[in-house]
Amino acid sequence: MQKKNAQPLSDALSDFFNENNVLRVKLAQQRVVRGWNELLGEGISQYTGNIYFNRDTLYVHLTSAVLRAELMMIKEDLIKKLNGYAELPVVKDIVFR
């Protein structure tokens, strides 16, 4: 016996995420943090420490000053790639520490 307002679980979850913008942004931010190592590769991830968001800024702790300087030169491209990976424009700035 089906209820009148029955719908597939995928549709219900899709509606839930579309209605809850804060949750959708938080999930996109988590995709960015996970995607850092995938997009930049194993070489850069060896020198990467803590990665976290504060407001719309991504903070990345690096152990190499040379790598920090290189990444600062391509910061705009990184922001575009990370936002594309997250499927939402959640990264406004990146701070390398």
N, C-alpha and C. Protein backbone atom coordinates (compact mmCIF):
# COMPACT_ATOMS: atom_id res chain seq x y z
N MET A 1 0.84 -1.18 0.00
CA MET A 1 0.00 0.00 0.00
C MET A 1 0.89 1.25 0.00
N GLN A 2 0.72 2.08 -1.00
CA GLN A 2 1.52 3.30 -1.11
C GLN A 2 0.73 4.48 -0.57
N LYS A 3 1.47 5.41 -0.01
CA LYS A 3 0.85 6.64 0.46
C LYS A 3 0.74 7.60 -0.72
N LYS A 4 -0.11 8.59 -0.58
CA LYS A 4 -0.34 9.53 -1.66
C LYS A 4 0.89 10.38 -1.97
N ASN A 5 1.66 10.72 -0.95
CA ASN A 5 2.81 11.60 -1.18
C ASN A 5 4.12 10.81 -1.22
N ALA A 6 4.06 9.54 -1.56
CA ALA A 6 5.27 8.72 -1.64
C ALA A 6 6.12 9.16 -2.83
N GLN A 7 7.42 9.19 -2.61
CA GLN A 7 8.36 9.54 -3.67
C GLN A 7 9.65 8.78 -3.45
N PRO A 8 10.42 8.58 -4.48
CA PRO A 8 11.69 7.87 -4.32
C PRO A 8 12.62 8.60 -3.35
N LEU A 9 13.46 7.84 -2.70
CA LEU A 9 14.39 8.40 -1.72
C LEU A 9 15.33 9.42 -2.37
N SER A 10 15.77 9.16 -3.58
CA SER A 10 16.67 10.10 -4.26
C SER A 10 15.99 11.45 -4.47
N ASP A 11 14.71 11.44 -4.81
CA ASP A 11 13.99 12.70 -4.98
C ASP A 11 13.82 13.43 -3.65
N ALA A 12 13.54 12.67 -2.60
CA ALA A 12 13.37 13.28 -1.28
C ALA A 12 14.67 13.92 -0.81
N LEU A 13 15.80 13.21 -1.00
CA LEU A 13 17.08 13.78 -0.60
C LEU A 13 17.45 14.99 -1.44
N SER A 14 17.15 14.93 -2.73
CA SER A 14 17.43 16.05 -3.61
C SER A 14 16.63 17.29 -3.17
N ASP A 15 15.36 17.09 -2.87
CA ASP A 15 14.54 18.20 -2.38
C ASP A 15 15.08 18.76 -1.07
N PHE A 16 15.50 17.84 -0.18
CA PHE A 16 16.02 18.26 1.12
C PHE A 16 17.25 19.14 0.96
N PHE A 17 18.20 18.73 0.11
CA PHE A 17 19.42 19.51 -0.08
C PHE A 17 19.15 20.81 -0.82
N ASN A 18 18.18 20.83 -1.72
CA ASN A 18 17.86 22.07 -2.43
C ASN A 18 17.22 23.09 -1.50
N GLU A 19 16.48 22.62 -0.51
CA GLU A 19 15.83 23.52 0.44
C GLU A 19 16.78 24.00 1.53
N ASN A 20 17.81 23.24 1.84
CA ASN A 20 18.74 23.58 2.90
C ASN A 20 20.07 24.04 2.30
N ASN A 21 20.14 25.34 2.00
CA ASN A 21 21.31 25.90 1.33
C ASN A 21 22.56 25.81 2.20
N VAL A 22 22.43 25.99 3.51
CA VAL A 22 23.59 25.94 4.40
C VAL A 22 24.23 24.56 4.36
N LEU A 23 23.40 23.53 4.39
CA LEU A 23 23.92 22.17 4.35
C LEU A 23 24.58 21.88 3.00
N ARG A 24 24.00 22.38 1.94
CA ARG A 24 24.57 22.18 0.61
C ARG A 24 25.95 22.84 0.50
N VAL A 25 26.10 24.03 1.06
CA VAL A 25 27.38 24.73 1.04
C VAL A 25 28.41 23.97 1.88
N LYS A 26 28.00 23.49 3.05
CA LYS A 26 28.92 22.72 3.91
C LYS A 26 29.40 21.45 3.21
N LEU A 27 28.51 20.77 2.52
CA LEU A 27 28.92 19.58 1.77
C LEU A 27 29.88 19.94 0.63
N ALA A 28 29.63 21.05 -0.03
CA ALA A 28 30.54 21.49 -1.10
C ALA A 28 31.91 21.85 -0.52
N GLN A 29 31.94 22.46 0.66
CA GLN A 29 33.21 22.77 1.30
C GLN A 29 33.98 21.49 1.63
N GLN A 30 33.27 20.47 2.08
CA GLN A 30 33.92 19.19 2.37
C GLN A 30 34.47 18.54 1.09
N ARG A 31 33.74 18.71 -0.02
CA ARG A 31 34.25 18.20 -1.30
C ARG A 31 35.54 18.91 -1.69
N VAL A 32 35.64 20.21 -1.41
CA VAL A 32 36.86 20.96 -1.71
C VAL A 32 38.02 20.43 -0.88
N VAL A 33 37.79 20.22 0.41
CA VAL A 33 38.87 19.73 1.28
C VAL A 33 39.32 18.34 0.83
N ARG A 34 38.37 17.47 0.49
CA ARG A 34 38.72 16.14 -0.01
C ARG A 34 39.39 16.22 -1.38
N GLY A 35 38.94 17.15 -2.20
CA GLY A 35 39.45 17.26 -3.56
C GLY A 35 40.82 17.89 -3.67
N TRP A 36 41.30 18.52 -2.61
CA TRP A 36 42.62 19.16 -2.64
C TRP A 36 43.68 18.15 -3.06
N ASN A 37 43.71 17.00 -2.40
CA ASN A 37 44.73 15.99 -2.71
C ASN A 37 44.51 15.37 -4.09
N GLU A 38 43.26 15.19 -4.48
CA GLU A 38 42.98 14.61 -5.80
C GLU A 38 43.39 15.55 -6.93
N LEU A 39 43.07 16.82 -6.78
CA LEU A 39 43.36 17.78 -7.85
C LEU A 39 44.84 18.13 -7.95
N LEU A 40 45.52 18.21 -6.81
CA LEU A 40 46.90 18.66 -6.84
C LEU A 40 47.91 17.52 -6.81
N GLY A 41 47.47 16.33 -6.54
CA GLY A 41 48.35 15.18 -6.63
C GLY A 41 49.09 14.84 -5.35
N GLU A 42 49.75 13.71 -5.40
CA GLU A 42 50.45 13.18 -4.23
C GLU A 42 51.67 14.01 -3.85
N GLY A 43 52.35 14.58 -4.82
CA GLY A 43 53.55 15.37 -4.55
C GLY A 43 53.26 16.57 -3.66
N ILE A 44 52.19 17.29 -3.97
CA ILE A 44 51.83 18.46 -3.17
C ILE A 44 51.19 18.04 -1.85
N SER A 45 50.45 16.95 -1.85
CA SER A 45 49.79 16.52 -0.62
C SER A 45 50.79 16.09 0.45
N GLN A 46 52.00 15.72 0.05
CA GLN A 46 53.04 15.38 1.03
C GLN A 46 53.43 16.60 1.87
N TYR A 47 53.36 17.77 1.29
CA TYR A 47 53.75 19.00 1.98
C TYR A 47 52.55 19.75 2.55
N THR A 48 51.37 19.15 2.45
CA THR A 48 50.15 19.79 2.93
C THR A 48 49.80 19.26 4.31
N GLY A 49 49.52 20.19 5.22
CA GLY A 49 49.11 19.81 6.56
C GLY A 49 47.61 19.95 6.71
N ASN A 50 47.21 20.84 7.56
CA ASN A 50 45.81 21.06 7.87
C ASN A 50 45.13 21.85 6.76
N ILE A 51 43.92 21.43 6.38
CA ILE A 51 43.12 22.15 5.38
C ILE A 51 41.75 22.37 5.99
N TYR A 52 41.30 23.63 6.04
CA TYR A 52 39.99 23.90 6.63
C TYR A 52 39.41 25.19 6.07
N PHE A 53 38.11 25.37 6.27
CA PHE A 53 37.39 26.57 5.85
C PHE A 53 37.10 27.44 7.06
N ASN A 54 37.19 28.74 6.85
CA ASN A 54 36.67 29.71 7.80
C ASN A 54 35.98 30.77 6.96
N ARG A 55 34.68 30.82 7.09
CA ARG A 55 33.81 31.62 6.23
C ARG A 55 33.99 31.13 4.80
N ASP A 56 34.32 31.97 3.86
CA ASP A 56 34.49 31.51 2.47
C ASP A 56 35.95 31.41 2.07
N THR A 57 36.83 31.32 3.05
CA THR A 57 38.26 31.27 2.80
C THR A 57 38.79 29.88 3.15
N LEU A 58 39.57 29.32 2.23
CA LEU A 58 40.20 28.02 2.45
C LEU A 58 41.60 28.27 3.01
N TYR A 59 41.88 27.67 4.17
CA TYR A 59 43.20 27.79 4.79
C TYR A 59 43.95 26.49 4.58
N VAL A 60 45.17 26.60 4.07
CA VAL A 60 46.00 25.43 3.77
C VAL A 60 47.34 25.62 4.45
N HIS A 61 47.70 24.70 5.35
CA HIS A 61 49.00 24.73 6.00
C HIS A 61 49.98 23.93 5.18
N LEU A 62 51.09 24.57 4.81
CA LEU A 62 52.11 23.94 4.00
C LEU A 62 53.43 23.90 4.77
N THR A 63 54.21 22.85 4.52
CA THR A 63 55.50 22.72 5.20
C THR A 63 56.67 23.20 4.32
N SER A 64 56.39 23.60 3.11
CA SER A 64 57.44 24.04 2.20
C SER A 64 57.18 25.49 1.76
N ALA A 65 58.15 26.35 2.03
CA ALA A 65 58.02 27.76 1.64
C ALA A 65 58.08 27.90 0.12
N VAL A 66 58.85 27.06 -0.54
CA VAL A 66 58.95 27.12 -2.00
C VAL A 66 57.61 26.76 -2.63
N LEU A 67 56.98 25.71 -2.12
CA LEU A 67 55.67 25.31 -2.63
C LEU A 67 54.63 26.39 -2.35
N ARG A 68 54.70 27.02 -1.19
CA ARG A 68 53.78 28.11 -0.85
C ARG A 68 53.89 29.23 -1.88
N ALA A 69 55.11 29.59 -2.25
CA ALA A 69 55.31 30.66 -3.24
C ALA A 69 54.77 30.25 -4.60
N GLU A 70 55.00 29.00 -4.99
CA GLU A 70 54.49 28.51 -6.28
C GLU A 70 52.96 28.52 -6.31
N LEU A 71 52.33 28.06 -5.23
CA LEU A 71 50.87 28.00 -5.20
C LEU A 71 50.25 29.40 -5.14
N MET A 72 50.94 30.33 -4.53
CA MET A 72 50.41 31.70 -4.49
C MET A 72 50.36 32.31 -5.89
N MET A 73 51.26 31.89 -6.76
CA MET A 73 51.26 32.43 -8.13
C MET A 73 50.11 31.88 -8.95
N ILE A 74 49.60 30.70 -8.60
CA ILE A 74 48.48 30.12 -9.38
C ILE A 74 47.21 30.05 -8.54
N LYS A 75 47.09 30.94 -7.56
CA LYS A 75 45.96 30.90 -6.63
C LYS A 75 44.61 31.04 -7.35
N GLU A 76 44.51 31.93 -8.30
CA GLU A 76 43.23 32.15 -9.00
C GLU A 76 42.81 30.89 -9.76
N ASP A 77 43.77 30.23 -10.41
CA ASP A 77 43.46 28.99 -11.12
C ASP A 77 43.02 27.90 -10.14
N LEU A 78 43.67 27.83 -8.99
CA LEU A 78 43.29 26.85 -7.97
C LEU A 78 41.86 27.08 -7.48
N ILE A 79 41.51 28.33 -7.27
CA ILE A 79 40.15 28.65 -6.83
C ILE A 79 39.13 28.18 -7.86
N LYS A 80 39.41 28.42 -9.13
CA LYS A 80 38.49 27.98 -10.19
C LYS A 80 38.38 26.46 -10.23
N LYS A 81 39.51 25.76 -10.12
CA LYS A 81 39.49 24.29 -10.15
C LYS A 81 38.76 23.71 -8.95
N LEU A 82 39.02 24.26 -7.77
CA LEU A 82 38.37 23.74 -6.57
C LEU A 82 36.86 24.01 -6.59
N ASN A 83 36.46 25.18 -7.05
CA ASN A 83 35.02 25.47 -7.16
C ASN A 83 34.36 24.57 -8.20
N GLY A 84 35.06 24.27 -9.27
CA GLY A 84 34.53 23.34 -10.27
C GLY A 84 34.38 21.94 -9.70
N TYR A 85 35.33 21.53 -8.90
CA TYR A 85 35.28 20.21 -8.27
C TYR A 85 34.11 20.12 -7.28
N ALA A 86 33.87 21.23 -6.56
CA ALA A 86 32.80 21.25 -5.56
C ALA A 86 31.43 21.47 -6.18
N GLU A 87 31.39 21.90 -7.43
CA GLU A 87 30.15 22.19 -8.15
C GLU A 87 29.38 23.37 -7.57
N LEU A 88 30.03 24.15 -6.72
CA LEU A 88 29.46 25.38 -6.16
C LEU A 88 30.61 26.36 -5.93
N PRO A 89 30.38 27.66 -6.09
CA PRO A 89 31.45 28.62 -5.83
C PRO A 89 31.60 28.88 -4.33
N VAL A 90 32.27 27.97 -3.62
CA VAL A 90 32.40 28.09 -2.16
C VAL A 90 33.74 28.69 -1.74
N VAL A 91 34.75 28.64 -2.62
CA VAL A 91 36.06 29.17 -2.28
C VAL A 91 36.18 30.58 -2.86
N LYS A 92 36.28 31.57 -1.98
CA LYS A 92 36.46 32.95 -2.43
C LYS A 92 37.93 33.35 -2.38
N ASP A 93 38.67 32.75 -1.44
CA ASP A 93 40.08 33.07 -1.29
C ASP A 93 40.79 31.85 -0.69
N ILE A 94 42.09 31.77 -0.91
CA ILE A 94 42.91 30.72 -0.30
C ILE A 94 44.05 31.40 0.44
N VAL A 95 44.26 31.00 1.69
CA VAL A 95 45.36 31.49 2.49
C VAL A 95 46.31 30.35 2.73
N PHE A 96 47.56 30.53 2.29
CA PHE A 96 48.59 29.51 2.49
C PHE A 96 49.40 29.90 3.72
N ARG A 97 49.53 28.96 4.63
CA ARG A 97 50.30 29.22 5.86
C ARG A 97 51.42 28.24 5.97
